[in-house]
Amino acid sequence: MAKKEKLDPETAALIEWCTQVEGFLVAGGATLPQAQEHIEENVEWFTDMFYDGLTPEEAAKAALK
């Protein structure tokens, strides 16, 4: 079995934040695969929003515009 790589706290926080954004995108009408694909395709934009201090809900609202 492969050794699990430990994530630094900042990366772990970003992943958790994106997971929360997914939930808001799904609540806004996207399917889970659509939400995941959108985040993956726009990862730099979402990362910027994370570092700009937006909440997951604010980021999802921006994405749904």
C-alpha atoms as a PDB file:
ATOM      1  CA  MET A   1       0.000   0.000   0.000  1.00  0.00           C
ATOM      2  CA  ALA A   2       1.309   3.466  -0.886  1.00  0.00           C
ATOM      3  CA  LYS A   3       2.380   5.746   1.889  1.00  0.00           C
ATOM      4  CA  LYS A   4      -0.057   8.597   2.470  1.00  0.00           C
ATOM      5  CA  GLU A   5       1.492  11.983   1.899  1.00  0.00           C
ATOM      6  CA  LYS A   6       0.861  14.501   4.678  1.00  0.00           C
ATOM      7  CA  LEU A   7      -0.551  17.776   3.469  1.00  0.00           C
ATOM      8  CA  ASP A   8       0.585  21.030   4.922  1.00  0.00           C
ATOM      9  CA  PRO A   9      -2.156  22.820   6.898  1.00  0.00           C
ATOM     10  CA  GLU A  10      -2.634  25.508   4.236  1.00  0.00           C
ATOM     11  CA  THR A  11      -3.200  22.969   1.449  1.00  0.00           C
ATOM     12  CA  ALA A  12      -5.538  20.961   3.663  1.00  0.00           C
ATOM     13  CA  ALA A  13      -7.531  24.139   4.409  1.00  0.00           C
ATOM     14  CA  LEU A  14      -7.782  24.953   0.696  1.00  0.00           C
ATOM     15  CA  ILE A  15      -9.036  21.454  -0.115  1.00  0.00           C
ATOM     16  CA  GLU A  16     -11.629  21.642   2.678  1.00  0.00           C
ATOM     17  CA  TRP A  17     -12.704  25.092   1.443  1.00  0.00           C
ATOM     18  CA  CYS A  18     -13.133  23.757  -2.122  1.00  0.00           C
ATOM     19  CA  THR A  19     -15.184  20.863  -0.775  1.00  0.00           C
ATOM     20  CA  GLN A  20     -17.483  23.370   0.894  1.00  0.00           C
ATOM     21  CA  VAL A  21     -17.703  25.399  -2.340  1.00  0.00           C
ATOM     22  CA  GLU A  22     -18.780  22.188  -4.112  1.00  0.00           C
ATOM     23  CA  GLY A  23     -21.665  21.868  -1.693  1.00  0.00           C
ATOM     24  CA  PHE A  24     -22.870  25.396  -2.415  1.00  0.00           C
ATOM     25  CA  LEU A  25     -22.548  24.838  -6.172  1.00  0.00           C
ATOM     26  CA  VAL A  26     -24.656  21.686  -5.861  1.00  0.00           C
ATOM     27  CA  ALA A  27     -27.201  23.565  -3.757  1.00  0.00           C
ATOM     28  CA  GLY A  28     -27.285  26.147  -6.556  1.00  0.00           C
ATOM     29  CA  GLY A  29     -28.268  23.523  -9.122  1.00  0.00           C
ATOM     30  CA  ALA A  30     -25.053  21.897 -10.346  1.00  0.00           C
ATOM     31  CA  THR A  31     -24.505  18.170 -10.145  1.00  0.00           C
ATOM     32  CA  LEU A  32     -21.558  17.039  -8.027  1.00  0.00           C
ATOM     33  CA  PRO A  33     -19.513  16.066 -11.122  1.00  0.00           C
ATOM     34  CA  GLN A  34     -20.272  19.471 -12.701  1.00  0.00           C
ATOM     35  CA  ALA A  35     -19.219  21.281  -9.519  1.00  0.00           C
ATOM     36  CA  GLN A  36     -15.996  19.294  -9.268  1.00  0.00           C
ATOM     37  CA  GLU A  37     -15.167  19.848 -12.929  1.00  0.00           C
ATOM     38  CA  HIS A  38     -15.823  23.584 -12.645  1.00  0.00           C
ATOM     39  CA  ILE A  39     -13.498  23.878  -9.650  1.00  0.00           C
ATOM     40  CA  GLU A  40     -10.804  21.794 -11.368  1.00  0.00           C
ATOM     41  CA  GLU A  41     -11.017  23.869 -14.564  1.00  0.00           C
ATOM     42  CA  ASN A  42     -10.849  27.135 -12.616  1.00  0.00           C
ATOM     43  CA  VAL A  43      -8.534  26.099  -9.792  1.00  0.00           C
ATOM     44  CA  GLU A  44      -6.408  29.267  -9.976  1.00  0.00           C
ATOM     45  CA  TRP A  45      -9.474  31.500  -9.745  1.00  0.00           C
ATOM     46  CA  PHE A  46     -10.841  29.560  -6.771  1.00  0.00           C
ATOM     47  CA  THR A  47      -7.421  29.541  -5.097  1.00  0.00           C
ATOM     48  CA  ASP A  48      -7.280  33.324  -5.458  1.00  0.00           C
ATOM     49  CA  MET A  49     -10.718  33.635  -3.871  1.00  0.00           C
ATOM     50  CA  PHE A  50      -9.576  31.411  -0.992  1.00  0.00           C
ATOM     51  CA  TYR A  51      -6.532  33.613  -0.351  1.00  0.00           C
ATOM     52  CA  ASP A  52      -8.653  36.762  -0.765  1.00  0.00           C
ATOM     53  CA  GLY A  53     -10.692  35.543   2.201  1.00  0.00           C
ATOM     54  CA  LEU A  54     -13.986  34.780   0.503  1.00  0.00           C
ATOM     55  CA  THR A  55     -16.229  32.291   2.218  1.00  0.00           C
ATOM     56  CA  PRO A  56     -17.125  29.134   0.306  1.00  0.00           C
ATOM     57  CA  GLU A  57     -20.646  30.509  -0.128  1.00  0.00           C
ATOM     58  CA  GLU A  58     -19.346  33.806  -1.570  1.00  0.00           C
ATOM     59  CA  ALA A  59     -17.087  31.912  -3.984  1.00  0.00           C
ATOM     60  CA  ALA A  60     -19.947  29.692  -5.131  1.00  0.00           C
ATOM     61  CA  LYS A  61     -22.186  32.730  -5.695  1.00  0.00           C
ATOM     62  CA  ALA A  62     -19.445  34.314  -7.813  1.00  0.00           C
ATOM     63  CA  ALA A  63     -19.115  31.089  -9.799  1.00  0.00           C
ATOM     64  CA  LEU A  64     -22.859  30.827 -10.372  1.00  0.00           C
ATOM     65  CA  LYS A  65     -23.152  34.342 -11.851  1.00  0.00           C
END
